[in-house]
Amino acid sequence: MKPLITIEYCPKCGWLLRAAYMAQELLTTFATELGGVTLRPSETGGTYIISLNEEIIFDRKEAGHFPEIKILKQQVRDRVNPEKSLGHSDRP
């Protein structure tokens, strides 16, 4: 089975569009590597957690900020297809 990503976001904070954008970016970049991206509204305020196969790879509360899409793509790539080039996202 292909890996699944879940983005749990706070709907009261208005973070649905951010979650949808990140889902689109991940699905575009990893079209053949991922089995899907699920958006899950959280019942806990301030939540923004990204998991890969139920392993948390980013938690906004722990990090103190939202993930940069470049860094998020690198984290996903390193777990699902380490040899994959991310083009401009790999440049410093």
C-alpha atoms as a PDB file:
ATOM      1  CA  MET A   1       0.000   0.000   0.000  1.00  0.00           C
ATOM      2  CA  LYS A   2       1.104   3.531  -0.723  1.00  0.00           C
ATOM      3  CA  PRO A   3       1.654   5.922   2.190  1.00  0.00           C
ATOM      4  CA  LEU A   4      -1.235   8.091   3.368  1.00  0.00           C
ATOM      5  CA  ILE A   5      -0.936  11.636   4.677  1.00  0.00           C
ATOM      6  CA  THR A   6      -3.404  13.225   7.070  1.00  0.00           C
ATOM      7  CA  ILE A   7      -3.556  16.960   7.699  1.00  0.00           C
ATOM      8  CA  GLU A   8      -5.514  17.691  10.864  1.00  0.00           C
ATOM      9  CA  TYR A   9      -6.406  21.369  11.064  1.00  0.00           C
ATOM     10  CA  CYS A  10      -8.453  23.729  13.220  1.00  0.00           C
ATOM     11  CA  PRO A  11     -11.588  24.797  11.294  1.00  0.00           C
ATOM     12  CA  LYS A  12     -12.379  27.511  13.855  1.00  0.00           C
ATOM     13  CA  CYS A  13      -8.989  29.098  13.122  1.00  0.00           C
ATOM     14  CA  GLY A  14      -9.773  29.195   9.384  1.00  0.00           C
ATOM     15  CA  TRP A  15      -6.941  26.861   8.397  1.00  0.00           C
ATOM     16  CA  LEU A  16      -8.861  24.771   5.844  1.00  0.00           C
ATOM     17  CA  LEU A  17      -7.456  26.682   2.856  1.00  0.00           C
ATOM     18  CA  ARG A  18      -3.891  26.279   4.159  1.00  0.00           C
ATOM     19  CA  ALA A  19      -4.467  22.538   4.628  1.00  0.00           C
ATOM     20  CA  ALA A  20      -6.015  22.222   1.154  1.00  0.00           C
ATOM     21  CA  TYR A  21      -3.084  24.086  -0.410  1.00  0.00           C
ATOM     22  CA  MET A  22      -0.565  21.793   1.281  1.00  0.00           C
ATOM     23  CA  ALA A  23      -2.573  18.720   0.252  1.00  0.00           C
ATOM     24  CA  GLN A  24      -2.563  19.924  -3.362  1.00  0.00           C
ATOM     25  CA  GLU A  25       1.181  20.547  -3.301  1.00  0.00           C
ATOM     26  CA  LEU A  26       1.904  17.117  -1.837  1.00  0.00           C
ATOM     27  CA  LEU A  27      -0.419  15.315  -4.246  1.00  0.00           C
ATOM     28  CA  THR A  28       1.131  17.133  -7.205  1.00  0.00           C
ATOM     29  CA  THR A  29       4.710  16.481  -6.123  1.00  0.00           C
ATOM     30  CA  PHE A  30       4.143  12.858  -5.049  1.00  0.00           C
ATOM     31  CA  ALA A  31       1.453  11.850  -7.554  1.00  0.00           C
ATOM     32  CA  THR A  32       2.744   8.291  -7.914  1.00  0.00           C
ATOM     33  CA  GLU A  33       4.182   7.796  -4.407  1.00  0.00           C
ATOM     34  CA  LEU A  34       1.199   8.668  -2.194  1.00  0.00           C
ATOM     35  CA  GLY A  35      -2.050   6.799  -1.716  1.00  0.00           C
ATOM     36  CA  GLY A  36      -3.822  10.028  -0.794  1.00  0.00           C
ATOM     37  CA  VAL A  37      -4.054  13.030   1.493  1.00  0.00           C
ATOM     38  CA  THR A  38      -6.894  13.337   3.976  1.00  0.00           C
ATOM     39  CA  LEU A  39      -8.016  16.641   5.480  1.00  0.00           C
ATOM     40  CA  ARG A  40      -9.366  16.128   8.987  1.00  0.00           C
ATOM     41  CA  PRO A  41     -11.027  18.951  10.936  1.00  0.00           C
ATOM     42  CA  SER A  42      -9.883  18.896  14.550  1.00  0.00           C
ATOM     43  CA  GLU A  43     -12.096  19.346  17.558  1.00  0.00           C
ATOM     44  CA  THR A  44      -9.152  20.879  19.423  1.00  0.00           C
ATOM     45  CA  GLY A  45      -8.501  24.575  18.762  1.00  0.00           C
ATOM     46  CA  GLY A  46      -5.170  25.562  17.275  1.00  0.00           C
ATOM     47  CA  THR A  47      -4.402  22.110  15.880  1.00  0.00           C
ATOM     48  CA  TYR A  48      -2.342  21.736  12.716  1.00  0.00           C
ATOM     49  CA  ILE A  49      -0.749  18.293  12.593  1.00  0.00           C
ATOM     50  CA  ILE A  50       0.579  16.468   9.547  1.00  0.00           C
ATOM     51  CA  SER A  51       0.974  12.691   9.760  1.00  0.00           C
ATOM     52  CA  LEU A  52       2.356  10.116   7.372  1.00  0.00           C
ATOM     53  CA  ASN A  53       0.864   6.676   8.006  1.00  0.00           C
ATOM     54  CA  GLU A  54      -0.192   7.916  11.455  1.00  0.00           C
ATOM     55  CA  GLU A  55       3.371   9.027  12.352  1.00  0.00           C
ATOM     56  CA  ILE A  56       3.379  12.741  13.161  1.00  0.00           C
ATOM     57  CA  ILE A  57       5.894  14.507  10.938  1.00  0.00           C
ATOM     58  CA  PHE A  58       4.842  18.066  11.844  1.00  0.00           C
ATOM     59  CA  ASP A  59       2.955  19.625  14.760  1.00  0.00           C
ATOM     60  CA  ARG A  60       2.391  23.394  14.695  1.00  0.00           C
ATOM     61  CA  LYS A  61       2.150  23.603  18.483  1.00  0.00           C
ATOM     62  CA  GLU A  62       5.540  21.907  18.938  1.00  0.00           C
ATOM     63  CA  ALA A  63       7.246  23.855  16.149  1.00  0.00           C
ATOM     64  CA  GLY A  64       5.672  27.209  17.040  1.00  0.00           C
ATOM     65  CA  HIS A  65       4.883  27.934  13.374  1.00  0.00           C
ATOM     66  CA  PHE A  66       3.363  26.435  10.243  1.00  0.00           C
ATOM     67  CA  PRO A  67       5.541  24.230   8.037  1.00  0.00           C
ATOM     68  CA  GLU A  68       7.220  25.704   5.001  1.00  0.00           C
ATOM     69  CA  ILE A  69       6.036  23.739   1.979  1.00  0.00           C
ATOM     70  CA  LYS A  70       9.637  23.213   0.843  1.00  0.00           C
ATOM     71  CA  ILE A  71      10.611  21.626   4.168  1.00  0.00           C
ATOM     72  CA  LEU A  72       7.412  19.559   4.286  1.00  0.00           C
ATOM     73  CA  LYS A  73       8.075  18.171   0.804  1.00  0.00           C
ATOM     74  CA  GLN A  74      11.617  17.266   1.818  1.00  0.00           C
ATOM     75  CA  GLN A  75      10.352  15.445   4.922  1.00  0.00           C
ATOM     76  CA  VAL A  76       7.797  13.484   2.900  1.00  0.00           C
ATOM     77  CA  ARG A  77      10.326  12.714   0.153  1.00  0.00           C
ATOM     78  CA  ASP A  78      12.864  11.445   2.689  1.00  0.00           C
ATOM     79  CA  ARG A  79      10.274   8.954   3.949  1.00  0.00           C
ATOM     80  CA  VAL A  80       8.540   7.819   0.745  1.00  0.00           C
ATOM     81  CA  ASN A  81      11.173   8.123  -2.011  1.00  0.00           C
ATOM     82  CA  PRO A  82      14.604   9.334  -0.824  1.00  0.00           C
ATOM     83  CA  GLU A  83      16.072   9.281  -4.344  1.00  0.00           C
ATOM     84  CA  LYS A  84      13.412  11.640  -5.754  1.00  0.00           C
ATOM     85  CA  SER A  85      14.644  15.054  -6.865  1.00  0.00           C
ATOM     86  CA  LEU A  86      12.484  17.964  -5.758  1.00  0.00           C
ATOM     87  CA  GLY A  87      14.061  20.364  -8.229  1.00  0.00           C
ATOM     88  CA  HIS A  88      14.111  23.900  -6.840  1.00  0.00           C
ATOM     89  CA  SER A  89      12.893  22.649  -3.439  1.00  0.00           C
ATOM     90  CA  ASP A  90      16.237  20.870  -2.990  1.00  0.00           C
ATOM     91  CA  ARG A  91      18.272  24.041  -3.422  1.00  0.00           C
ATOM     92  CA  PRO A  92      19.373  25.957  -0.329  1.00  0.00           C
END
